[in-house]
Amino acid sequence: MYKVHFENRFIIISPEPDRVQKYGLFHKFHDTNELYKLISSFQSDKEISSINIYGPDIKFIWKIFRIYFTEVEAAGGFFSFRKMENGICQKDILNTANPLQTVR
């Protein structure tokens, strides 16, 4: 599962819909253009508190999701840790000042 924060809102990417949590929207991933429209809508509509994007190949969805944002080197920002297969955590930082930039 991947979780990306946008100030006090977030997007979850998971293999199955997470019905235990309360999300603003559930969306089954079908294609890239649809995903980008959803992200754009989420960024412009502050009333949407969260989205659960789900599909069987979350690594692929994560890869497509990250293409929407520009990755830049930076010293700070919001970040999350995700556990890799070898047990090492990797830090992903999202620059919410400019949501089209992801920092690594």
N, C-alpha and C. Protein backbone atom coordinates (compact mmCIF):
# COMPACT_ATOMS: atom_id res chain seq x y z
N MET A 1 0.84 -1.17 0.00
CA MET A 1 0.00 0.00 0.00
C MET A 1 0.89 1.23 0.00
N TYR A 2 0.47 2.24 -0.74
CA TYR A 2 1.16 3.52 -0.78
C TYR A 2 0.17 4.58 -0.30
N LYS A 3 0.68 5.55 0.46
CA LYS A 3 -0.16 6.64 0.96
C LYS A 3 0.58 7.94 0.69
N VAL A 4 -0.08 8.86 -0.02
CA VAL A 4 0.52 10.15 -0.36
C VAL A 4 -0.35 11.24 0.25
N HIS A 5 0.29 12.11 1.02
CA HIS A 5 -0.43 13.19 1.70
C HIS A 5 -0.39 14.47 0.88
N PHE A 6 -1.50 15.15 0.86
CA PHE A 6 -1.64 16.48 0.26
C PHE A 6 -2.21 17.37 1.36
N GLU A 7 -1.32 17.97 2.14
CA GLU A 7 -1.71 18.73 3.32
C GLU A 7 -2.51 17.82 4.26
N ASN A 8 -3.77 18.09 4.52
CA ASN A 8 -4.54 17.24 5.45
C ASN A 8 -5.40 16.21 4.71
N ARG A 9 -5.13 16.00 3.43
CA ARG A 9 -5.85 15.01 2.62
C ARG A 9 -4.85 13.98 2.11
N PHE A 10 -5.35 12.87 1.59
CA PHE A 10 -4.41 11.85 1.11
C PHE A 10 -5.02 10.95 0.05
N ILE A 11 -4.12 10.29 -0.68
CA ILE A 11 -4.49 9.27 -1.66
C ILE A 11 -3.81 7.98 -1.24
N ILE A 12 -4.57 6.90 -1.20
CA ILE A 12 -4.07 5.56 -0.89
C ILE A 12 -4.09 4.74 -2.18
N ILE A 13 -3.01 4.02 -2.45
CA ILE A 13 -2.98 3.07 -3.56
C ILE A 13 -2.85 1.69 -2.93
N SER A 14 -3.81 0.81 -3.21
CA SER A 14 -3.83 -0.51 -2.58
C SER A 14 -4.31 -1.56 -3.58
N PRO A 15 -4.03 -2.84 -3.29
CA PRO A 15 -4.46 -3.90 -4.22
C PRO A 15 -5.96 -4.18 -4.18
N GLU A 16 -6.60 -3.89 -3.07
CA GLU A 16 -8.04 -4.13 -2.89
C GLU A 16 -8.65 -2.87 -2.28
N PRO A 17 -9.94 -2.66 -2.46
CA PRO A 17 -10.56 -1.52 -1.78
C PRO A 17 -10.48 -1.71 -0.27
N ASP A 18 -10.04 -0.70 0.43
CA ASP A 18 -9.88 -0.76 1.88
C ASP A 18 -11.17 -0.25 2.52
N ARG A 19 -12.11 -1.14 2.73
CA ARG A 19 -13.43 -0.74 3.23
C ARG A 19 -13.46 -0.53 4.74
N VAL A 20 -12.38 -0.86 5.43
CA VAL A 20 -12.31 -0.63 6.88
C VAL A 20 -12.17 0.87 7.15
N GLN A 21 -11.33 1.52 6.35
CA GLN A 21 -11.12 2.96 6.50
C GLN A 21 -12.25 3.70 5.80
N LYS A 22 -12.42 4.96 6.16
CA LYS A 22 -13.44 5.79 5.51
C LYS A 22 -12.74 6.73 4.55
N TYR A 23 -13.00 6.52 3.28
CA TYR A 23 -12.40 7.35 2.24
C TYR A 23 -13.49 8.17 1.57
N GLY A 24 -13.06 9.30 0.99
CA GLY A 24 -14.00 10.12 0.25
C GLY A 24 -14.45 9.43 -1.02
N LEU A 25 -13.51 8.81 -1.74
CA LEU A 25 -13.81 8.13 -3.00
C LEU A 25 -13.05 6.82 -3.09
N PHE A 26 -13.65 5.85 -3.77
CA PHE A 26 -12.98 4.62 -4.16
C PHE A 26 -12.88 4.64 -5.67
N HIS A 27 -11.74 4.21 -6.20
CA HIS A 27 -11.58 4.20 -7.65
C HIS A 27 -10.77 2.98 -8.08
N LYS A 28 -11.33 2.15 -8.93
CA LYS A 28 -10.60 1.00 -9.47
C LYS A 28 -9.81 1.48 -10.68
N PHE A 29 -8.50 1.23 -10.65
CA PHE A 29 -7.62 1.67 -11.73
C PHE A 29 -7.92 0.90 -13.02
N HIS A 30 -8.11 1.67 -14.11
CA HIS A 30 -8.32 1.06 -15.42
C HIS A 30 -7.27 1.54 -16.42
N ASP A 31 -7.08 2.85 -16.49
CA ASP A 31 -6.08 3.36 -17.45
C ASP A 31 -5.47 4.66 -16.95
N THR A 32 -4.37 5.01 -17.58
CA THR A 32 -3.56 6.15 -17.17
C THR A 32 -4.32 7.47 -17.27
N ASN A 33 -4.99 7.72 -18.38
CA ASN A 33 -5.71 8.99 -18.54
C ASN A 33 -6.77 9.18 -17.47
N GLU A 34 -7.46 8.12 -17.15
CA GLU A 34 -8.49 8.17 -16.10
C GLU A 34 -7.85 8.51 -14.75
N LEU A 35 -6.69 7.92 -14.47
CA LEU A 35 -5.98 8.19 -13.21
C LEU A 35 -5.56 9.66 -13.14
N TYR A 36 -5.03 10.19 -14.22
CA TYR A 36 -4.58 11.58 -14.22
C TYR A 36 -5.75 12.55 -14.06
N LYS A 37 -6.90 12.24 -14.64
CA LYS A 37 -8.09 13.08 -14.44
C LYS A 37 -8.53 13.05 -12.98
N LEU A 38 -8.44 11.87 -12.36
CA LEU A 38 -8.81 11.72 -10.95
C LEU A 38 -7.87 12.54 -10.05
N ILE A 39 -6.56 12.46 -10.31
CA ILE A 39 -5.59 13.23 -9.52
C ILE A 39 -5.84 14.72 -9.69
N SER A 40 -6.07 15.14 -10.91
CA SER A 40 -6.34 16.55 -11.18
C SER A 40 -7.60 17.03 -10.45
N SER A 41 -8.64 16.22 -10.49
CA SER A 41 -9.88 16.56 -9.77
C SER A 41 -9.65 16.64 -8.27
N PHE A 42 -8.87 15.70 -7.74
CA PHE A 42 -8.57 15.68 -6.32
C PHE A 42 -7.82 16.95 -5.91
N GLN A 43 -6.86 17.35 -6.72
CA GLN A 43 -6.09 18.55 -6.39
C GLN A 43 -6.93 19.82 -6.45
N SER A 44 -7.88 19.88 -7.37
CA SER A 44 -8.67 21.10 -7.50
C SER A 44 -9.88 21.14 -6.57
N ASP A 45 -10.39 19.99 -6.17
CA ASP A 45 -11.58 19.94 -5.31
C ASP A 45 -11.18 19.62 -3.87
N LYS A 46 -11.05 20.64 -3.05
CA LYS A 46 -10.61 20.47 -1.66
C LYS A 46 -11.66 19.77 -0.80
N GLU A 47 -12.87 19.58 -1.30
CA GLU A 47 -13.92 18.88 -0.56
C GLU A 47 -13.68 17.37 -0.52
N ILE A 48 -12.89 16.86 -1.47
CA ILE A 48 -12.57 15.43 -1.48
C ILE A 48 -11.46 15.21 -0.44
N SER A 49 -11.79 14.52 0.66
CA SER A 49 -10.82 14.37 1.74
C SER A 49 -9.80 13.27 1.47
N SER A 50 -10.19 12.25 0.71
CA SER A 50 -9.27 11.15 0.44
C SER A 50 -9.79 10.29 -0.71
N ILE A 51 -8.86 9.56 -1.31
CA ILE A 51 -9.21 8.65 -2.40
C ILE A 51 -8.46 7.34 -2.17
N ASN A 52 -9.15 6.24 -2.38
CA ASN A 52 -8.53 4.91 -2.37
C ASN A 52 -8.52 4.42 -3.82
N ILE A 53 -7.35 4.45 -4.45
CA ILE A 53 -7.18 3.92 -5.80
C ILE A 53 -6.70 2.49 -5.64
N TYR A 54 -7.39 1.55 -6.27
CA TYR A 54 -7.00 0.16 -6.07
C TYR A 54 -6.95 -0.60 -7.39
N GLY A 55 -6.13 -1.64 -7.39
CA GLY A 55 -5.97 -2.50 -8.56
C GLY A 55 -4.96 -3.58 -8.21
N PRO A 56 -4.93 -4.67 -8.98
CA PRO A 56 -4.09 -5.81 -8.63
C PRO A 56 -2.59 -5.54 -8.69
N ASP A 57 -2.14 -4.61 -9.54
CA ASP A 57 -0.71 -4.34 -9.68
C ASP A 57 -0.38 -2.96 -9.13
N ILE A 58 -0.23 -2.85 -7.81
CA ILE A 58 -0.03 -1.52 -7.22
C ILE A 58 1.33 -0.93 -7.57
N LYS A 59 2.32 -1.77 -7.85
CA LYS A 59 3.62 -1.23 -8.28
C LYS A 59 3.47 -0.49 -9.60
N PHE A 60 2.68 -1.03 -10.51
CA PHE A 60 2.43 -0.36 -11.79
C PHE A 60 1.63 0.93 -11.57
N ILE A 61 0.60 0.87 -10.74
CA ILE A 61 -0.20 2.07 -10.45
C ILE A 61 0.69 3.15 -9.83
N TRP A 62 1.56 2.76 -8.90
CA TRP A 62 2.48 3.70 -8.25
C TRP A 62 3.41 4.34 -9.28
N LYS A 63 3.91 3.52 -10.21
CA LYS A 63 4.79 4.03 -11.26
C LYS A 63 4.06 5.06 -12.12
N ILE A 64 2.84 4.74 -12.53
CA ILE A 64 2.03 5.67 -13.34
C ILE A 64 1.68 6.92 -12.53
N PHE A 65 1.33 6.74 -11.26
CA PHE A 65 1.00 7.85 -10.37
C PHE A 65 2.18 8.83 -10.28
N ARG A 66 3.39 8.29 -10.12
CA ARG A 66 4.57 9.14 -9.96
C ARG A 66 4.92 9.91 -11.23
N ILE A 67 4.54 9.39 -12.40
CA ILE A 67 4.82 10.09 -13.65
C ILE A 67 4.07 11.43 -13.69
N TYR A 68 2.94 11.51 -13.03
CA TYR A 68 2.14 12.73 -12.99
C TYR A 68 2.91 13.88 -12.33
N PHE A 69 3.81 13.55 -11.44
CA PHE A 69 4.57 14.53 -10.68
C PHE A 69 6.01 14.60 -11.20
N THR A 70 6.63 15.76 -11.08
CA THR A 70 8.02 15.93 -11.45
C THR A 70 8.88 15.70 -10.22
N GLU A 71 9.84 14.80 -10.33
CA GLU A 71 10.73 14.54 -9.18
C GLU A 71 11.89 15.51 -9.21
N VAL A 72 12.15 16.12 -8.04
CA VAL A 72 13.27 17.05 -7.90
C VAL A 72 14.02 16.72 -6.61
N GLU A 73 15.29 17.01 -6.59
CA GLU A 73 16.09 16.84 -5.38
C GLU A 73 15.78 17.99 -4.44
N ALA A 74 15.62 17.70 -3.16
CA ALA A 74 15.35 18.75 -2.18
C ALA A 74 15.76 18.27 -0.80
N ALA A 75 15.90 19.21 0.10
CA ALA A 75 16.33 18.87 1.46
C ALA A 75 15.17 18.62 2.40
N GLY A 76 13.97 18.98 2.03
CA GLY A 76 12.87 18.83 2.97
C GLY A 76 11.54 18.71 2.28
N GLY A 77 10.51 18.59 3.08
CA GLY A 77 9.16 18.45 2.55
C GLY A 77 8.42 17.37 3.32
N PHE A 78 7.28 17.01 2.85
CA PHE A 78 6.52 15.94 3.48
C PHE A 78 7.05 14.61 2.94
N PHE A 79 7.06 13.63 3.81
CA PHE A 79 7.60 12.36 3.36
C PHE A 79 6.84 11.20 3.98
N SER A 80 7.05 10.04 3.37
CA SER A 80 6.51 8.80 3.91
C SER A 80 7.55 7.72 3.71
N PHE A 81 7.52 6.72 4.57
CA PHE A 81 8.42 5.59 4.43
C PHE A 81 7.62 4.41 3.95
N ARG A 82 8.19 3.66 3.03
CA ARG A 82 7.55 2.44 2.58
C ARG A 82 8.57 1.32 2.66
N LYS A 83 8.14 0.19 3.11
CA LYS A 83 9.03 -0.94 3.30
C LYS A 83 9.24 -1.65 1.97
N MET A 84 10.49 -1.87 1.64
CA MET A 84 10.83 -2.57 0.41
C MET A 84 10.89 -4.07 0.70
N GLU A 85 10.98 -4.88 -0.34
CA GLU A 85 11.00 -6.33 -0.18
C GLU A 85 12.19 -6.82 0.65
N ASN A 86 13.30 -6.13 0.58
CA ASN A 86 14.48 -6.56 1.33
C ASN A 86 14.51 -6.03 2.76
N GLY A 87 13.41 -5.43 3.21
CA GLY A 87 13.31 -4.94 4.58
C GLY A 87 13.81 -3.52 4.77
N ILE A 88 14.38 -2.92 3.75
CA ILE A 88 14.89 -1.55 3.84
C ILE A 88 13.75 -0.59 3.53
N CYS A 89 13.68 0.50 4.29
CA CYS A 89 12.65 1.50 4.05
C CYS A 89 13.16 2.54 3.06
N GLN A 90 12.28 3.00 2.20
CA GLN A 90 12.63 4.05 1.27
C GLN A 90 11.75 5.25 1.55
N LYS A 91 12.35 6.43 1.56
CA LYS A 91 11.61 7.65 1.87
C LYS A 91 11.19 8.34 0.58
N ASP A 92 9.90 8.65 0.46
CA ASP A 92 9.37 9.43 -0.66
C ASP A 92 8.88 10.75 -0.10
N ILE A 93 9.29 11.84 -0.72
CA ILE A 93 8.91 13.17 -0.26
C ILE A 93 8.07 13.83 -1.35
N LEU A 94 6.94 14.39 -0.96
CA LEU A 94 6.08 15.08 -1.90
C LEU A 94 6.10 16.57 -1.58
N ASN A 95 6.44 17.38 -2.56
CA ASN A 95 6.46 18.82 -2.39
C ASN A 95 5.04 19.34 -2.58
N THR A 96 4.32 19.57 -1.49
CA THR A 96 2.93 20.01 -1.61
C THR A 96 2.81 21.49 -1.94
N ALA A 97 3.91 22.24 -1.83
CA ALA A 97 3.85 23.64 -2.25
C ALA A 97 3.62 23.70 -3.76
N ASN A 98 4.21 22.77 -4.48
CA ASN A 98 3.97 22.63 -5.92
C ASN A 98 3.61 21.17 -6.14
N PRO A 99 2.32 20.83 -6.16
CA PRO A 99 1.92 19.43 -6.20
C PRO A 99 2.37 18.67 -7.45
N LEU A 100 2.89 19.36 -8.43
CA LEU A 100 3.38 18.67 -9.61
C LEU A 100 4.85 18.26 -9.44
N GLN A 101 5.40 18.45 -8.23
CA GLN A 101 6.78 18.06 -7.98
C GLN A 101 6.84 17.04 -6.85
N THR A 102 7.47 15.93 -7.10
CA THR A 102 7.75 14.94 -6.08
C THR A 102 9.23 15.00 -5.79
N VAL A 103 9.58 14.93 -4.54
CA VAL A 103 10.99 15.05 -4.14
C VAL A 103 11.46 13.69 -3.69
N ARG A 104 12.66 13.34 -4.04
CA ARG A 104 13.22 12.05 -3.63
C ARG A 104 14.51 12.28 -2.92
